[in-house]
Amino acid sequence: MLRWALIFLVIGLIAGVLGFTGVAGASIAIAKTLFFIFIVIFLVLLILGLTVARSAAGD
């Protein structure tokens, strides 16, 4: 998912440099959305991983 966010970011930056503001804006918006979804999923899995590891260790 992070890879797709970076791809859309690069597409948006290139489109912005070339003057395609509509495509650039849409691409940057998609990149932001994918990035925030990635961060949320990462944090949820990190918290779950820490709690499972702690309960498996017997603490």
PDB file of N, CA and C in Angstrom:
ATOM      1  N   MET A   1       0.823  -1.179   0.000  1.00  0.00           N
ATOM      2  CA  MET A   1       0.000   0.000   0.000  1.00  0.00           C
ATOM      3  C   MET A   1       0.874   1.252   0.000  1.00  0.00           C
ATOM      4  N   LEU A   2       1.962   1.183   0.732  1.00  0.00           N
ATOM      5  CA  LEU A   2       2.872   2.323   0.753  1.00  0.00           C
ATOM      6  C   LEU A   2       3.494   2.539  -0.623  1.00  0.00           C
ATOM      7  N   ARG A   3       3.727   1.453  -1.339  1.00  0.00           N
ATOM      8  CA  ARG A   3       4.279   1.559  -2.689  1.00  0.00           C
ATOM      9  C   ARG A   3       3.314   2.315  -3.608  1.00  0.00           C
ATOM     10  N   TRP A   4       2.012   1.992  -3.501  1.00  0.00           N
ATOM     11  CA  TRP A   4       1.026   2.684  -4.326  1.00  0.00           C
ATOM     12  C   TRP A   4       0.942   4.164  -3.961  1.00  0.00           C
ATOM     13  N   ALA A   5       1.058   4.473  -2.673  1.00  0.00           N
ATOM     14  CA  ALA A   5       1.045   5.876  -2.253  1.00  0.00           C
ATOM     15  C   ALA A   5       2.225   6.625  -2.864  1.00  0.00           C
ATOM     16  N   LEU A   6       3.387   6.012  -2.872  1.00  0.00           N
ATOM     17  CA  LEU A   6       4.563   6.657  -3.468  1.00  0.00           C
ATOM     18  C   LEU A   6       4.418   6.796  -4.978  1.00  0.00           C
ATOM     19  N   ILE A   7       3.816   5.800  -5.626  1.00  0.00           N
ATOM     20  CA  ILE A   7       3.602   5.891  -7.075  1.00  0.00           C
ATOM     21  C   ILE A   7       2.669   7.058  -7.406  1.00  0.00           C
ATOM     22  N   PHE A   8       1.561   7.171  -6.655  1.00  0.00           N
ATOM     23  CA  PHE A   8       0.637   8.273  -6.911  1.00  0.00           C
ATOM     24  C   PHE A   8       1.270   9.621  -6.577  1.00  0.00           C
ATOM     25  N   LEU A   9       2.140   9.654  -5.576  1.00  0.00           N
ATOM     26  CA  LEU A   9       2.841  10.895  -5.252  1.00  0.00           C
ATOM     27  C   LEU A   9       3.742  11.327  -6.398  1.00  0.00           C
ATOM     28  N   VAL A  10       4.488  10.392  -6.947  1.00  0.00           N
ATOM     29  CA  VAL A  10       5.377  10.708  -8.070  1.00  0.00           C
ATOM     30  C   VAL A  10       4.567  11.141  -9.285  1.00  0.00           C
ATOM     31  N   ILE A  11       3.475  10.450  -9.560  1.00  0.00           N
ATOM     32  CA  ILE A  11       2.612  10.835 -10.684  1.00  0.00           C
ATOM     33  C   ILE A  11       2.075  12.242 -10.479  1.00  0.00           C
ATOM     34  N   GLY A  12       1.653  12.539  -9.257  1.00  0.00           N
ATOM     35  CA  GLY A  12       1.138  13.872  -8.963  1.00  0.00           C
ATOM     36  C   GLY A  12       2.187  14.950  -9.110  1.00  0.00           C
ATOM     37  N   LEU A  13       3.400  14.666  -8.657  1.00  0.00           N
ATOM     38  CA  LEU A  13       4.467  15.656  -8.788  1.00  0.00           C
ATOM     39  C   LEU A  13       4.843  15.894 -10.246  1.00  0.00           C
ATOM     40  N   ILE A  14       4.924  14.836 -11.021  1.00  0.00           N
ATOM     41  CA  ILE A  14       5.255  14.983 -12.441  1.00  0.00           C
ATOM     42  C   ILE A  14       4.133  15.720 -13.169  1.00  0.00           C
ATOM     43  N   ALA A  15       2.895  15.376 -12.865  1.00  0.00           N
ATOM     44  CA  ALA A  15       1.771  16.055 -13.512  1.00  0.00           C
ATOM     45  C   ALA A  15       1.732  17.528 -13.122  1.00  0.00           C
ATOM     46  N   GLY A  16       2.070  17.829 -11.874  1.00  0.00           N
ATOM     47  CA  GLY A  16       2.107  19.228 -11.443  1.00  0.00           C
ATOM     48  C   GLY A  16       3.178  20.023 -12.157  1.00  0.00           C
ATOM     49  N   VAL A  17       4.334  19.421 -12.352  1.00  0.00           N
ATOM     50  CA  VAL A  17       5.419  20.099 -13.062  1.00  0.00           C
ATOM     51  C   VAL A  17       5.043  20.347 -14.519  1.00  0.00           C
ATOM     52  N   LEU A  18       4.315  19.394 -15.104  1.00  0.00           N
ATOM     53  CA  LEU A  18       3.929  19.535 -16.512  1.00  0.00           C
ATOM     54  C   LEU A  18       2.687  20.399 -16.711  1.00  0.00           C
ATOM     55  N   GLY A  19       2.036  20.805 -15.611  1.00  0.00           N
ATOM     56  CA  GLY A  19       0.909  21.711 -15.723  1.00  0.00           C
ATOM     57  C   GLY A  19      -0.459  21.061 -15.691  1.00  0.00           C
ATOM     58  N   PHE A  20      -0.534  19.776 -15.469  1.00  0.00           N
ATOM     59  CA  PHE A  20      -1.823  19.095 -15.385  1.00  0.00           C
ATOM     60  C   PHE A  20      -2.325  19.157 -13.942  1.00  0.00           C
ATOM     61  N   THR A  21      -2.915  20.292 -13.588  1.00  0.00           N
ATOM     62  CA  THR A  21      -3.260  20.522 -12.182  1.00  0.00           C
ATOM     63  C   THR A  21      -4.385  19.613 -11.700  1.00  0.00           C
ATOM     64  N   GLY A  22      -5.319  19.274 -12.563  1.00  0.00           N
ATOM     65  CA  GLY A  22      -6.413  18.391 -12.162  1.00  0.00           C
ATOM     66  C   GLY A  22      -5.921  16.999 -11.829  1.00  0.00           C
ATOM     67  N   VAL A  23      -5.083  16.473 -12.697  1.00  0.00           N
ATOM     68  CA  VAL A  23      -4.514  15.145 -12.474  1.00  0.00           C
ATOM     69  C   VAL A  23      -3.598  15.171 -11.256  1.00  0.00           C
ATOM     70  N   ALA A  24      -2.838  16.232 -11.110  1.00  0.00           N
ATOM     71  CA  ALA A  24      -1.913  16.342  -9.981  1.00  0.00           C
ATOM     72  C   ALA A  24      -2.674  16.384  -8.657  1.00  0.00           C
ATOM     73  N   GLY A  25      -3.726  17.167  -8.597  1.00  0.00           N
ATOM     74  CA  GLY A  25      -4.508  17.266  -7.369  1.00  0.00           C
ATOM     75  C   GLY A  25      -5.163  15.951  -6.992  1.00  0.00           C
ATOM     76  N   ALA A  26      -5.733  15.283  -7.973  1.00  0.00           N
ATOM     77  CA  ALA A  26      -6.379  13.994  -7.708  1.00  0.00           C
ATOM     78  C   ALA A  26      -5.353  12.947  -7.280  1.00  0.00           C
ATOM     79  N   SER A  27      -4.216  12.929  -7.930  1.00  0.00           N
ATOM     80  CA  SER A  27      -3.185  11.951  -7.618  1.00  0.00           C
ATOM     81  C   SER A  27      -2.609  12.181  -6.222  1.00  0.00           C
ATOM     82  N   ILE A  28      -2.390  13.423  -5.855  1.00  0.00           N
ATOM     83  CA  ILE A  28      -1.880  13.738  -4.520  1.00  0.00           C
ATOM     84  C   ILE A  28      -2.917  13.380  -3.459  1.00  0.00           C
ATOM     85  N   ALA A  29      -4.186  13.610  -3.745  1.00  0.00           N
ATOM     86  CA  ALA A  29      -5.245  13.249  -2.790  1.00  0.00           C
ATOM     87  C   ALA A  29      -5.296  11.734  -2.582  1.00  0.00           C
ATOM     88  N   ILE A  30      -5.152  10.976  -3.652  1.00  0.00           N
ATOM     89  CA  ILE A  30      -5.133   9.517  -3.535  1.00  0.00           C
ATOM     90  C   ILE A  30      -3.909   9.077  -2.741  1.00  0.00           C
ATOM     91  N   ALA A  31      -2.759   9.690  -2.995  1.00  0.00           N
ATOM     92  CA  ALA A  31      -1.533   9.338  -2.272  1.00  0.00           C
ATOM     93  C   ALA A  31      -1.689   9.614  -0.775  1.00  0.00           C
ATOM     94  N   LYS A  32      -2.281  10.759  -0.424  1.00  0.00           N
ATOM     95  CA  LYS A  32      -2.497  11.078   0.991  1.00  0.00           C
ATOM     96  C   LYS A  32      -3.426  10.073   1.650  1.00  0.00           C
ATOM     97  N   THR A  33      -4.499   9.739   0.968  1.00  0.00           N
ATOM     98  CA  THR A  33      -5.462   8.784   1.517  1.00  0.00           C
ATOM     99  C   THR A  33      -4.811   7.420   1.744  1.00  0.00           C
ATOM    100  N   LEU A  34      -4.086   6.933   0.761  1.00  0.00           N
ATOM    101  CA  LEU A  34      -3.420   5.637   0.901  1.00  0.00           C
ATOM    102  C   LEU A  34      -2.380   5.669   2.014  1.00  0.00           C
ATOM    103  N   PHE A  35      -1.670   6.795   2.137  1.00  0.00           N
ATOM    104  CA  PHE A  35      -0.656   6.902   3.178  1.00  0.00           C
ATOM    105  C   PHE A  35      -1.293   6.853   4.568  1.00  0.00           C
ATOM    106  N   PHE A  36      -2.399   7.568   4.770  1.00  0.00           N
ATOM    107  CA  PHE A  36      -3.038   7.567   6.079  1.00  0.00           C
ATOM    108  C   PHE A  36      -3.674   6.208   6.389  1.00  0.00           C
ATOM    109  N   ILE A  37      -4.206   5.535   5.386  1.00  0.00           N
ATOM    110  CA  ILE A  37      -4.728   4.179   5.601  1.00  0.00           C
ATOM    111  C   ILE A  37      -3.582   3.249   5.994  1.00  0.00           C
ATOM    112  N   PHE A  38      -2.434   3.390   5.332  1.00  0.00           N
ATOM    113  CA  PHE A  38      -1.265   2.593   5.670  1.00  0.00           C
ATOM    114  C   PHE A  38      -0.825   2.838   7.109  1.00  0.00           C
ATOM    115  N   ILE A  39      -0.787   4.098   7.533  1.00  0.00           N
ATOM    116  CA  ILE A  39      -0.371   4.425   8.898  1.00  0.00           C
ATOM    117  C   ILE A  39      -1.331   3.817   9.915  1.00  0.00           C
ATOM    118  N   VAL A  40      -2.631   3.902   9.662  1.00  0.00           N
ATOM    119  CA  VAL A  40      -3.621   3.346  10.593  1.00  0.00           C
ATOM    120  C   VAL A  40      -3.461   1.830  10.699  1.00  0.00           C
ATOM    121  N   ILE A  41      -3.337   1.152   9.567  1.00  0.00           N
ATOM    122  CA  ILE A  41      -3.175  -0.303   9.587  1.00  0.00           C
ATOM    123  C   ILE A  41      -1.872  -0.682  10.278  1.00  0.00           C
ATOM    124  N   PHE A  42      -0.807   0.070  10.016  1.00  0.00           N
ATOM    125  CA  PHE A  42       0.475  -0.200  10.657  1.00  0.00           C
ATOM    126  C   PHE A  42       0.372  -0.073  12.173  1.00  0.00           C
ATOM    127  N   LEU A  43      -0.267   0.992  12.656  1.00  0.00           N
ATOM    128  CA  LEU A  43      -0.384   1.190  14.098  1.00  0.00           C
ATOM    129  C   LEU A  43      -1.247   0.113  14.749  1.00  0.00           C
ATOM    130  N   VAL A  44      -2.338  -0.265  14.104  1.00  0.00           N
ATOM    131  CA  VAL A  44      -3.198  -1.316  14.653  1.00  0.00           C
ATOM    132  C   VAL A  44      -2.424  -2.630  14.755  1.00  0.00           C
ATOM    133  N   LEU A  45      -1.715  -2.993  13.709  1.00  0.00           N
ATOM    134  CA  LEU A  45      -0.954  -4.235  13.735  1.00  0.00           C
ATOM    135  C   LEU A  45       0.206  -4.168  14.729  1.00  0.00           C
ATOM    136  N   LEU A  46       0.808  -3.003  14.885  1.00  0.00           N
ATOM    137  CA  LEU A  46       1.881  -2.833  15.861  1.00  0.00           C
ATOM    138  C   LEU A  46       1.362  -3.028  17.279  1.00  0.00           C
ATOM    139  N   ILE A  47       0.233  -2.423  17.582  1.00  0.00           N
ATOM    140  CA  ILE A  47      -0.361  -2.563  18.911  1.00  0.00           C
ATOM    141  C   ILE A  47      -0.787  -4.003  19.154  1.00  0.00           C
ATOM    142  N   LEU A  48      -1.415  -4.622  18.167  1.00  0.00           N
ATOM    143  CA  LEU A  48      -1.808  -6.027  18.323  1.00  0.00           C
ATOM    144  C   LEU A  48      -0.590  -6.935  18.494  1.00  0.00           C
ATOM    145  N   GLY A  49       0.455  -6.674  17.751  1.00  0.00           N
ATOM    146  CA  GLY A  49       1.664  -7.475  17.872  1.00  0.00           C
ATOM    147  C   GLY A  49       2.307  -7.339  19.237  1.00  0.00           C
ATOM    148  N   LEU A  50       2.324  -6.133  19.770  1.00  0.00           N
ATOM    149  CA  LEU A  50       2.909  -5.930  21.093  1.00  0.00           C
ATOM    150  C   LEU A  50       2.077  -6.594  22.184  1.00  0.00           C
ATOM    151  N   THR A  51       0.766  -6.533  22.078  1.00  0.00           N
ATOM    152  CA  THR A  51      -0.076  -7.140  23.108  1.00  0.00           C
ATOM    153  C   THR A  51      -0.033  -8.663  23.032  1.00  0.00           C
ATOM    154  N   VAL A  52       0.023  -9.217  21.835  1.00  0.00           N
ATOM    155  CA  VAL A  52       0.114 -10.666  21.690  1.00  0.00           C
ATOM    156  C   VAL A  52       1.473 -11.154  22.195  1.00  0.00           C
ATOM    157  N   ALA A  53       2.536 -10.437  21.884  1.00  0.00           N
ATOM    158  CA  ALA A  53       3.862 -10.827  22.348  1.00  0.00           C
ATOM    159  C   ALA A  53       3.941 -10.758  23.869  1.00  0.00           C
ATOM    160  N   ARG A  54       3.332  -9.744  24.436  1.00  0.00           N
ATOM    161  CA  ARG A  54       3.356  -9.595  25.886  1.00  0.00           C
ATOM    162  C   ARG A  54       2.548 -10.713  26.550  1.00  0.00           C
ATOM    163  N   SER A  55       1.397 -11.067  25.979  1.00  0.00           N
ATOM    164  CA  SER A  55       0.595 -12.129  26.579  1.00  0.00           C
ATOM    165  C   SER A  55       1.232 -13.506  26.350  1.00  0.00           C
ATOM    166  N   ALA A  56       1.946 -13.670  25.260  1.00  0.00           N
ATOM    167  CA  ALA A  56       2.618 -14.943  24.985  1.00  0.00           C
ATOM    168  C   ALA A  56       3.826 -15.132  25.909  1.00  0.00           C
ATOM    169  N   ALA A  57       4.447 -14.011  26.306  1.00  0.00           N
ATOM    170  CA  ALA A  57       5.604 -14.085  27.192  1.00  0.00           C
ATOM    171  C   ALA A  57       5.201 -14.370  28.629  1.00  0.00           C
ATOM    172  N   GLY A  58       3.932 -14.156  28.947  1.00  0.00           N
ATOM    173  CA  GLY A  58       3.452 -14.460  30.283  1.00  0.00           C
ATOM    174  C   GLY A  58       3.502 -13.312  31.256  1.00  0.00           C
ATOM    175  N   ASP A  59       3.686 -12.107  30.770  1.00  0.00           N
ATOM    176  CA  ASP A  59       3.722 -10.930  31.665  1.00  0.00           C
ATOM    177  C   ASP A  59       2.375 -10.497  32.105  1.00  0.00           C
TER     178      ASP A  59
END
